Protein backbone atom coordinates (compact mmCIF):
# COMPACT_ATOMS: atom_id res chain seq x y z
CA MET A 1 -0.38 0.05 0.05
CA SER A 2 1.11 3.77 -1.31
CA GLY A 3 2.30 6.25 1.19
CA LEU A 4 -0.31 8.38 -0.28
CA VAL A 5 -2.98 6.14 -0.04
CA ILE A 6 -2.13 5.52 3.52
CA ALA A 7 -1.96 9.25 4.11
CA GLN A 8 -6.11 9.26 2.31
CA ILE A 9 -6.84 6.62 4.61
CA MET A 10 -5.36 8.68 7.87
CA TYR A 11 -6.87 11.95 7.00
CA VAL A 12 -10.84 10.66 6.81
CA ILE A 13 -10.21 9.09 10.16
CA VAL A 14 -9.08 12.16 11.29
CA LEU A 15 -11.69 13.52 9.49
CA PHE A 16 -13.98 11.20 10.83
CA LEU A 17 -13.28 11.64 14.87
CA VAL A 18 -13.68 15.61 14.52
CA ILE A 19 -16.76 15.39 13.53
CA LEU A 20 -17.74 13.22 16.08
CA ARG A 21 -15.89 15.95 18.24
CA VAL A 22 -18.15 19.04 16.90
CA LEU A 23 -20.99 16.93 17.36
CA TYR A 24 -20.44 15.82 21.06
CA ASP A 25 -19.27 19.24 21.87
CA THR A 26 -21.57 21.69 20.27
CA ARG A 27 -25.32 22.09 21.54
CA SER A 28 -26.56 24.39 18.31
CA GLU A 29 -27.21 21.83 15.62
CA THR A 30 -27.02 25.55 13.33
CA LYS A 31 -23.36 26.11 14.87
CA ALA A 32 -22.50 22.24 14.45
CA LEU A 33 -23.77 21.92 10.65
CA ALA A 34 -21.31 24.86 9.85
CA TYR A 35 -18.44 23.78 11.72
CA ILE A 36 -19.14 20.17 9.68
CA LEU A 37 -19.31 22.20 6.77
CA PHE A 38 -16.22 24.16 6.61
CA ILE A 39 -13.86 21.23 8.09
CA VAL A 40 -15.42 18.67 5.13
CA PHE A 41 -15.18 21.36 2.78
CA VAL A 42 -11.81 23.13 3.51
CA PRO A 43 -9.93 20.44 4.72
CA LEU A 44 -6.98 21.43 7.62
CA ILE A 45 -7.98 24.64 7.78
CA GLY A 46 -11.62 24.29 8.36
CA MET A 47 -9.67 21.39 11.20
CA GLY A 48 -7.65 24.10 12.88
CA PHE A 49 -10.44 26.55 12.49
CA TYR A 50 -12.87 24.65 15.02
CA PHE A 51 -9.82 23.77 17.64
CA ALA A 52 -9.03 27.45 18.17
CA PHE A 53 -12.15 28.71 18.05
CA GLY A 54 -14.89 26.00 18.26
CA THR A 55 -14.32 24.21 21.02
CA ASN A 56 -16.84 23.98 24.07
CA TYR A 57 -15.43 25.50 26.76
CA ARG A 58 -18.50 25.08 28.77
CA LYS A 59 -19.37 21.17 28.49
CA ARG A 60 -15.20 20.71 28.80
CA LYS A 61 -15.34 23.05 32.41
CA LEU A 62 -11.68 24.99 31.30
CA TYR A 63 -13.02 28.14 32.37
CA SER A 64 -15.00 26.54 35.56
CA LYS A 65 -14.68 29.70 38.27
CA LYS A 66 -12.45 29.09 40.88
CA LEU A 67 -15.31 29.35 43.34
CA ILE A 68 -14.83 31.16 47.07
CA GLN A 69 -14.57 28.26 49.45
CA ASP A 70 -15.47 29.91 52.46
CA ASP A 71 -18.24 28.56 54.22
CA ASP A 72 -19.76 31.60 55.54
CA LEU A 73 -19.74 32.89 51.99
CA ARG A 74 -21.51 30.39 50.48
CA GLN A 75 -24.20 30.47 53.03
CA VAL A 76 -24.39 33.95 52.10
CA LEU A 77 -25.00 33.16 48.56
CA ARG A 78 -26.40 29.98 49.06
CA GLN A 79 -28.54 29.22 51.94
CA GLY A 80 -29.76 32.53 53.15
CA VAL A 81 -30.31 34.08 49.91
CA ARG A 82 -32.90 31.21 48.77
CA SER A 83 -35.21 32.13 51.65
CA TYR A 84 -34.80 35.86 50.90
CA SER A 85 -35.32 35.30 47.17
CA ARG A 86 -38.55 33.80 48.37
CA LYS A 87 -39.72 36.15 50.54
CA VAL A 88 -38.99 39.22 47.90
CA LEU A 89 -40.69 37.07 45.44
CA GLU A 90 -43.87 36.34 47.83
CA LYS A 91 -43.80 40.19 48.59
CA THR A 92 -44.00 41.94 45.87
CA GLY A 93 -46.25 39.76 43.99
CA LEU A 94 -44.17 38.77 41.39
CA GLU A 95 -45.50 35.80 41.42
CA ASP A 96 -48.13 35.63 38.59
CA ARG A 97 -46.40 37.95 35.51
CA HIS A 98 -42.90 37.28 36.12
CA GLY A 99 -42.30 33.80 38.09
CA ASN A 100 -41.20 31.28 35.74
CA LEU A 101 -38.07 34.29 34.42
CA ILE A 102 -37.38 34.87 38.18
CA ARG A 103 -37.31 30.92 39.32
CA PHE A 104 -35.15 30.42 36.29
CA ILE A 105 -32.63 32.67 37.27
CA HIS A 106 -32.48 31.82 40.60
CA HIS A 107 -32.09 28.16 39.65
CA ALA A 108 -29.74 28.44 36.79
CA ALA A 109 -27.67 31.47 37.33
CA LYS A 110 -28.17 31.62 41.30
CA SER A 111 -28.69 34.64 41.72
CA PRO A 112 -31.53 35.92 44.12
CA LEU A 113 -34.26 38.68 43.61
CA THR A 114 -33.54 41.63 45.43
CA ALA A 115 -36.09 44.53 46.27
CA ASN A 116 -35.42 48.29 48.26
CA ASN A 117 -32.50 48.96 46.13
CA GLY A 118 -31.84 52.25 44.59
CA VAL A 119 -31.95 52.28 40.57
CA ARG A 120 -30.63 55.54 38.61
CA LEU A 121 -30.44 54.74 34.38
CA LEU A 122 -27.59 56.79 33.25
CA ILE A 123 -27.69 57.56 29.35
CA ASN A 124 -24.30 57.81 27.84
CA GLY A 125 -20.78 58.66 29.04
CA GLU A 126 -21.39 61.67 29.97
CA GLU A 127 -23.85 60.53 32.30
CA LYS A 128 -22.14 58.08 33.93
CA PHE A 129 -18.66 58.92 34.31
CA PRO A 130 -19.40 62.01 36.41
CA GLU A 131 -21.70 59.68 38.79
CA VAL A 132 -18.72 57.22 39.09
CA LEU A 133 -16.56 59.22 39.91
CA ARG A 134 -18.65 61.05 42.51
CA ALA A 135 -19.09 57.02 43.81
CA LEU A 136 -15.22 55.94 44.10
CA ARG A 137 -14.81 59.44 45.85
CA ALA A 138 -17.22 57.84 48.73
CA ALA A 139 -15.48 54.55 49.18
CA LYS A 140 -14.78 53.58 53.08
CA HIS A 141 -13.37 49.78 52.66
CA HIS A 142 -13.09 48.37 49.12
CA ILE A 143 -14.05 48.99 45.06
CA HIS A 144 -13.77 46.73 42.48
CA MET A 145 -13.47 47.29 39.33
CA GLU A 146 -13.88 45.12 36.25
CA TYR A 147 -13.57 45.83 32.37
CA TYR A 148 -13.90 44.81 29.13
CA ILE A 149 -12.47 48.17 27.58
CA TYR A 150 -10.40 50.15 30.03
CA GLU A 151 -7.73 53.18 28.19
CA ASP A 152 -5.24 55.21 29.15
CA ASP A 153 -7.11 58.53 28.07
CA ALA A 154 -8.06 61.74 29.68
CA THR A 155 -11.21 59.58 31.04
CA GLY A 156 -8.98 56.36 32.19
CA GLU A 157 -6.60 58.67 33.96
CA GLU A 158 -9.18 60.82 35.99
CA ILE A 159 -10.58 57.06 37.22
CA ALA A 160 -7.43 55.38 37.79
CA GLY A 161 -6.30 58.72 40.11
CA VAL A 162 -9.10 58.39 42.04
CA LEU A 163 -8.81 54.58 42.72
CA MET A 164 -5.05 55.47 43.47
CA GLU A 165 -6.33 58.36 46.21
CA LYS A 166 -8.01 55.86 47.67
CA ALA A 167 -5.75 53.04 47.97
CA ARG A 168 -3.71 55.53 49.37
CA GLN A 169 -6.04 55.89 52.09
CA GLY A 170 -5.99 52.55 53.09
CA VAL A 171 -9.81 51.30 50.42
CA ALA A 172 -8.83 48.16 48.93
CA VAL A 173 -8.70 48.55 45.18
CA ARG A 174 -9.18 45.60 42.99
CA PHE A 175 -8.66 46.05 39.40
CA LEU A 176 -9.23 43.44 36.64
CA TYR A 177 -8.84 44.57 33.05
CA ASP A 178 -9.45 42.04 30.27
CA ASP A 179 -6.06 41.93 28.80
CA PHE A 180 -7.22 41.70 24.78
CA GLY A 181 -10.08 44.06 25.29
CA SER A 182 -7.49 46.58 27.43
CA ASN A 183 -4.71 45.43 25.13
CA ALA A 184 -3.64 49.35 24.86
CA LEU A 185 -3.05 49.88 28.44
CA GLY A 186 1.03 49.82 28.81
CA LYS A 187 2.79 48.82 31.73
CA ARG A 188 3.89 51.56 32.94
CA PHE A 189 0.03 52.57 33.49
CA LEU A 190 -0.50 49.19 35.36
CA GLN A 191 2.98 49.77 37.34
CA ARG A 192 1.91 53.24 38.64
CA LEU A 193 -1.37 51.56 40.15
CA GLU A 194 0.13 49.15 41.67
CA GLU A 195 2.69 51.44 43.15
CA ALA A 196 0.17 53.08 44.87
CA GLY A 197 -1.49 50.56 46.42
CA VAL A 198 -3.86 49.24 43.75
CA GLN A 199 -4.06 45.32 42.93
CA THR A 200 -4.06 44.50 39.58
CA ALA A 201 -5.04 41.27 37.07
CA PRO A 202 -5.58 40.93 33.39
CA PHE A 203 -8.59 38.68 32.33
CA TYR A 204 -7.21 35.21 31.19
CA LYS A 205 -3.75 37.04 29.65
CA ILE A 206 -3.17 36.30 26.29
CA ASN A 207 -0.30 33.77 25.28
CA ILE A 208 1.19 33.51 21.79
CA LEU A 209 0.17 29.01 22.70
CA ALA A 210 -3.65 29.91 23.46
CA LEU A 211 -4.11 32.91 20.79
CA ALA A 212 -6.96 32.11 19.56
CA ASN A 213 -9.41 30.24 21.98
CA ARG A 214 -7.75 33.47 24.64
CA ILE A 215 -9.38 35.49 22.19
CA ASN A 216 -12.45 34.16 21.40
CA TYR A 217 -13.57 33.56 25.08
CA ARG A 218 -13.22 37.39 26.66
CA ASN A 219 -14.62 39.22 29.66
CA HIS A 220 -16.97 41.28 28.70
CA ARG A 221 -18.23 42.35 31.78
CA LYS A 222 -18.10 46.19 32.80
CA ILE A 223 -18.91 46.02 36.84
CA ILE A 224 -17.76 48.20 39.86
CA VAL A 225 -18.86 47.09 43.32
CA ILE A 226 -17.94 49.85 46.13
CA ASP A 227 -18.14 48.90 49.73
CA GLY A 228 -20.63 45.86 49.00
CA ARG A 229 -24.02 48.30 48.17
CA THR A 230 -22.87 50.45 45.47
CA SER A 231 -22.42 49.55 42.33
CA PHE A 232 -22.54 50.24 37.90
CA VAL A 233 -23.76 47.26 35.17
CA GLY A 234 -24.02 48.12 31.87
CA GLY A 235 -22.70 48.67 27.69
CA ILE A 236 -20.46 51.52 28.61
CA ASN A 237 -16.66 50.95 28.48
CA MET A 238 -13.82 53.03 30.02
CA SER A 239 -12.70 55.04 27.73
CA ASP A 240 -13.25 59.00 25.93
CA ARG A 241 -15.36 56.99 23.05
CA TYR A 242 -18.26 56.78 25.09
CA ARG A 243 -18.43 59.99 26.30
CA ASN A 244 -20.24 62.66 24.22
CA ASP A 245 -18.56 66.06 26.26
CA ALA A 246 -15.57 68.57 26.51
CA LEU A 247 -13.48 65.18 26.57
CA ALA A 248 -14.67 62.96 23.65
CA LYS A 249 -12.03 61.42 21.59
CA ASP A 250 -13.82 62.06 18.40
CA SER A 251 -17.30 63.16 16.46
CA LEU A 252 -18.76 60.04 16.60
CA PHE A 253 -21.53 61.18 18.84
CA TRP A 254 -22.24 57.57 20.82
CA ARG A 255 -25.29 56.59 22.40
CA ASP A 256 -25.05 53.75 25.42
CA THR A 257 -26.26 53.31 28.39
CA HIS A 258 -25.64 51.97 32.02
CA LEU A 259 -27.04 51.96 35.39
CA ARG A 260 -26.26 52.77 38.78
CA LEU A 261 -27.46 50.34 41.70
CA ASP A 262 -27.59 50.91 45.19
CA GLY A 263 -28.95 47.75 48.38
CA VAL A 264 -28.55 43.88 47.80
CA ALA A 265 -28.82 43.86 44.17
CA SER A 266 -25.17 44.10 44.47
CA TYR A 267 -24.92 41.38 46.01
CA TYR A 268 -24.43 39.35 42.76
CA LEU A 269 -22.33 41.46 40.98
CA GLN A 270 -19.78 41.39 44.17
CA TYR A 271 -20.30 37.35 44.24
CA VAL A 272 -19.16 37.87 40.08
CA PHE A 273 -16.62 39.98 40.22
CA LEU A 274 -14.98 37.70 42.85
CA CYS A 275 -15.24 34.43 40.96
CA ASP A 276 -13.93 36.42 37.85
CA TRP A 277 -10.63 37.99 40.57
CA ASN A 278 -10.05 34.59 42.07
CA PHE A 279 -9.69 32.96 38.58
CA CYS A 280 -7.34 35.24 37.08
CA SER A 281 -5.37 36.78 40.23
CA GLN A 282 -2.34 35.86 42.69
CA HIS A 283 -4.14 37.51 45.18
CA LYS A 284 -6.81 35.39 46.55
CA ALA A 285 -10.28 37.91 47.77
CA GLY A 286 -11.92 35.63 50.43
CA TYR A 287 -15.16 35.80 52.45
CA SER A 288 -15.54 39.90 54.87
CA THR A 289 -18.76 41.23 56.45
CA HIS A 290 -17.65 44.57 54.35
CA LEU A 291 -17.84 42.53 51.28
CA PHE A 292 -21.61 41.89 51.95
CA PRO A 293 -22.78 43.99 54.04
CA PRO A 294 -25.93 42.84 56.37
CA ARG A 295 -29.27 43.88 54.86
CA ASP A 296 -32.66 44.99 55.90
CA LYS A 297 -34.20 41.39 57.10
CA THR A 298 -37.82 43.04 57.19
CA LEU A 299 -37.81 43.32 54.34
CA PRO A 300 -40.69 46.46 52.76
CA ILE A 301 -40.92 46.93 49.53
CA ALA A 302 -39.89 50.46 49.21
CA GLY A 303 -37.40 50.88 46.17
CA GLU A 304 -36.87 48.90 43.03
CA VAL A 305 -37.13 45.26 42.09
CA VAL A 306 -33.30 44.03 40.94
CA GLN A 307 -32.36 40.09 40.01
CA MET A 308 -28.76 40.06 37.92
CA VAL A 309 -28.18 36.91 35.26
CA ALA A 310 -24.68 36.05 34.33
CA SER A 311 -23.33 33.71 31.45
CA GLY A 312 -20.43 32.60 30.46
CA PRO A 313 -18.13 29.50 29.02
CA ASP A 314 -17.97 29.07 33.05
CA SER A 315 -21.72 28.20 33.03
CA GLU A 316 -23.89 25.46 33.16
CA LEU A 317 -26.62 27.17 30.45
CA PRO A 318 -26.65 29.97 28.77
CA THR A 319 -28.55 31.72 31.33
CA ILE A 320 -28.86 35.01 29.59
CA LEU A 321 -30.47 33.92 26.06
CA TYR A 322 -32.75 32.08 27.95
CA SER A 323 -34.10 34.50 29.98
CA LEU A 324 -34.56 36.93 27.23
CA LEU A 325 -36.19 33.70 25.44
CA GLU A 326 -38.54 33.79 28.64
CA ALA A 327 -39.14 37.82 28.98
CA VAL A 328 -40.16 37.53 24.73
CA GLY A 329 -42.20 34.48 25.47
CA ASN A 330 -43.93 36.59 28.49
CA ALA A 331 -44.52 39.79 26.49
CA LYS A 332 -48.29 39.89 26.25
CA LYS A 333 -48.16 43.77 24.52
CA SER A 334 -44.93 45.15 23.46
CA ILE A 335 -41.54 44.73 22.95
CA LEU A 336 -38.61 47.54 22.61
CA ILE A 337 -35.23 46.31 21.98
CA THR A 338 -31.88 47.76 21.35
CA SER A 339 -28.43 46.02 20.27
CA PRO A 340 -25.67 47.09 18.48
CA TYR A 341 -25.27 43.43 17.21
CA PHE A 342 -28.49 42.05 16.27
CA ILE A 343 -27.69 38.35 15.35
CA PRO A 344 -29.99 36.59 17.34
CA GLY A 345 -29.65 32.85 16.48
CA GLU A 346 -33.13 30.29 15.32
CA SER A 347 -34.40 30.13 19.24
CA LEU A 348 -34.34 34.18 20.12
CA MET A 349 -35.86 34.83 16.65
CA ASP A 350 -38.28 32.22 16.56
CA ALA A 351 -39.30 33.33 20.21
CA LEU A 352 -40.14 37.30 18.33
CA ILE A 353 -41.95 35.61 15.37
CA ILE A 354 -43.87 33.96 17.62
CA ALA A 355 -44.82 37.50 19.19
CA ALA A 356 -45.17 39.30 17.11
CA GLU A 357 -47.77 36.92 14.84
CA ALA A 358 -49.72 36.89 18.86
CA GLY A 359 -50.10 40.52 18.80
CA VAL A 360 -46.76 41.29 20.38
CA HIS A 361 -46.27 45.39 19.51
CA ILE A 362 -41.59 44.67 18.97
CA GLN A 363 -39.39 47.60 17.77
CA ILE A 364 -35.86 47.11 17.43
CA LEU A 365 -33.42 49.83 17.31
CA VAL A 366 -29.77 48.93 15.63
CA PRO A 367 -27.11 51.24 14.53
CA GLY A 368 -27.36 52.72 11.06
CA THR A 369 -24.11 51.86 9.75
CA SER A 370 -22.29 48.07 11.57
CA ASP A 371 -19.14 48.92 12.70
CA SER A 372 -18.62 45.17 11.00
CA ARG A 373 -19.60 44.71 6.97
CA LEU A 374 -19.54 40.64 7.96
CA VAL A 375 -22.29 41.61 10.71
CA ASN A 376 -24.53 44.25 8.93
CA ALA A 377 -25.24 41.61 6.74
CA ALA A 378 -25.51 38.83 8.45
CA ALA A 379 -27.92 41.19 10.32
CA GLN A 380 -29.83 42.50 7.40
CA ALA A 381 -30.88 38.58 6.43
CA TYR A 382 -32.50 39.11 10.33
CA TYR A 383 -34.26 41.71 9.44
CA THR A 384 -35.98 40.43 6.68
CA GLU A 385 -37.66 37.98 8.57
CA LEU A 386 -38.70 40.18 10.85
CA LEU A 387 -40.08 42.69 8.49
CA ARG A 388 -42.12 40.16 6.86
CA HIS A 389 -43.87 39.65 10.51
CA GLY A 390 -44.83 43.13 11.41
CA VAL A 391 -41.68 43.83 13.46
CA ALA A 392 -40.53 47.01 13.23
CA ILE A 393 -37.05 48.03 13.09
CA TYR A 394 -35.21 51.03 12.94
CA ARG A 395 -31.55 52.42 12.29
CA TYR A 396 -29.57 54.84 13.83
CA ASN A 397 -28.50 57.51 12.18
CA LYS A 398 -27.31 60.23 14.89
CA GLY A 399 -24.05 58.40 15.74
CA PHE A 400 -23.79 54.60 17.07
CA VAL A 401 -25.58 52.85 19.41
CA HIS A 402 -23.67 50.69 22.18
CA ALA A 403 -26.67 50.14 24.37
CA LYS A 404 -27.94 46.46 25.15
CA THR A 405 -31.45 46.86 26.55
CA MET A 406 -34.89 45.50 25.87
CA VAL A 407 -37.94 46.77 27.80
CA VAL A 408 -41.57 44.34 28.00
CA ASP A 409 -44.53 45.46 28.58
CA ASP A 410 -44.36 48.01 31.00
CA ASP A 411 -43.28 46.25 33.92
CA LEU A 412 -39.90 45.05 32.39
CA ALA A 413 -36.54 46.27 32.52
CA ILE A 414 -33.34 44.89 30.91
CA VAL A 415 -29.74 46.60 31.06
CA GLY A 416 -26.51 44.92 30.57
CA THR A 417 -23.66 43.72 28.63
CA ALA A 418 -24.27 41.21 26.42
CA ASN A 419 -25.89 42.04 22.63
CA MET A 420 -28.23 40.21 20.78
CA ASP A 421 -25.44 37.86 19.74
CA TYR A 422 -23.65 34.36 19.75
CA ARG A 423 -20.31 35.90 21.08
CA SER A 424 -22.75 36.90 24.12
CA PHE A 425 -24.91 34.01 24.41
CA ASP A 426 -22.10 31.29 24.10
CA LEU A 427 -18.61 32.98 24.57
CA ASN A 428 -17.80 35.93 26.54
CA PHE A 429 -18.32 36.56 29.58
CA GLU A 430 -21.47 38.56 30.59
CA VAL A 431 -23.99 40.25 33.05
CA ASN A 432 -26.87 41.79 32.69
CA ALA A 433 -29.34 43.71 35.26
CA ILE A 434 -33.31 42.97 34.71
CA ILE A 435 -35.53 45.39 36.77
CA TYR A 436 -39.24 44.51 37.97
CA GLY A 437 -41.62 47.15 37.80
CA LYS A 438 -42.93 50.48 36.39
CA ARG A 439 -40.52 53.05 36.72
CA LEU A 440 -37.23 51.71 34.73
CA ALA A 441 -39.41 50.41 32.62
CA ALA A 442 -40.96 53.93 31.68
CA GLU A 443 -37.78 55.39 31.68
CA LEU A 444 -36.05 53.00 29.22
CA GLY A 445 -39.13 53.14 27.15
CA GLN A 446 -38.87 56.74 27.48
CA ALA A 447 -35.47 56.92 26.58
CA PHE A 448 -36.29 54.33 23.82
CA SER A 449 -38.96 56.92 22.21
CA ASN A 450 -36.34 59.47 22.59
CA ASP A 451 -33.60 57.75 20.22
CA LEU A 452 -36.23 56.92 17.59
CA GLU A 453 -35.98 60.54 16.35
CA ASN A 454 -32.94 59.77 15.44
CA ALA A 455 -33.70 56.86 13.70
CA THR A 456 -35.08 55.96 10.56
CA LYS A 457 -37.76 52.98 10.13
CA MET A 458 -36.97 50.65 7.78
CA ASP A 459 -39.70 50.49 5.14
CA ALA A 460 -40.25 46.78 4.98
CA GLU A 461 -42.40 46.69 1.95
CA ALA A 462 -39.16 48.43 -0.04
CA TRP A 463 -36.55 45.97 1.76
CA LEU A 464 -38.50 43.49 0.29
CA ALA A 465 -38.30 44.27 -2.98
CA ARG A 466 -34.38 44.58 -3.17
CA PRO A 467 -32.72 42.58 -6.10
CA LYS A 468 -32.99 38.87 -5.46
CA TYR A 469 -28.87 38.65 -5.13
CA LEU A 470 -28.98 40.91 -1.97
CA HIS A 471 -31.45 38.62 -0.68
CA ILE A 472 -29.51 35.35 -1.50
CA TRP A 473 -25.55 37.37 -0.17
CA GLU A 474 -27.32 38.48 3.32
CA ARG A 475 -29.00 34.50 3.17
CA LEU A 476 -25.42 33.62 2.60
CA VAL A 477 -23.62 35.27 5.24
CA ARG A 478 -26.01 34.13 8.06
CA LEU A 479 -24.65 30.98 7.39
CA THR A 480 -21.55 32.22 9.01
CA SER A 481 -23.09 34.08 12.28
CA PRO A 482 -21.96 31.35 14.66
CA PHE A 483 -18.44 32.99 14.02
CA LEU A 484 -19.02 36.40 14.34
């Protein structure tokens, strides 16, 4: 038998084994089929691509968080929180309206339903950054900061100055940054922080040997927790580009949304931060009552009711995706969605179409032009399908809309870090805040209405009547959605 024949037989065996692994590892049939076709029709390169970008690390637990082992913390986050969450659900009367969503998040993400929170909606960086500075300057015990993008510009320097000042005052400051998203941070910047007493750590530092996978699975969260009671979460990274005032990086208007939370809702963001920190840092953070201050045991329902949902390659389920599916499925009147990258996948598309056909008024706000031509073409294939079912889609034309929000009916608001795409649902570490109640839903709904004044509604008839080759091209690019 010639060497060429032996090589061909070996290749077929390897190809068969790789396909078996794809089928075993990949939860989505669409994604599995895309990988298999790539592997079969682009030999060797397809296999390399799969092993670089396609391995299912949720199943393999490679990214399993280093959960804090302290018994007291487990008590706070599991046993005590379970009874607390149940009491909040009973006293708020949310069982009939949102009971399934609340219980799913509690069970899948181990996230409690919390009451008596102060929640402030922050529109754009010019509202967020001054609020963050005020909160940081008021810190007494600790500051925990976790960001996908942190840049050494005017905004980054101002925040860093406060972090160093508080560290010198004896406040414990921990700064976690994504090594890919914050790749522009220089050694000198980090050295200055550390010399002032700030502890720093990169999230899953990139190295050459594991370059592709480490780029593919990133920490997209934007979290600040101060003294265990005040926290910030949302879509705005730490950079001049996210503001539209005198410190703006360029002339492009940047539309984004963030939240400030005061109360027990900060507990779960604290938990997420500590898990991420202990995964990445050599200086582990243990449990203390300063990190999780005692909560009010009487449970007067006076503030906002909030629940956090986090997911990533370390979670058993894509909990953020499933929480959105439940929220859409429970809609009775209206759904307002803002997303800079709208590649929702089959399950969320089906949920939206079902809701639209059931008479729910759905409006979606997306950028007028995406910062990626491939992403834009893939998203347009989804627009075509939704427009056929009566969904209203608006293109923001004042600048770039980067907010990740949803309002369902008049009593559910979602603000977070997760885009509506495969990457946020399956690859990145993300976190969303869910607020149950009319006040914030009304505020977020008003912000959406204001944004529509700077947007153009897509003409469904004209869009669907475009040349066939455009639809075919967009459908073709949509096949690559699992990779975008």
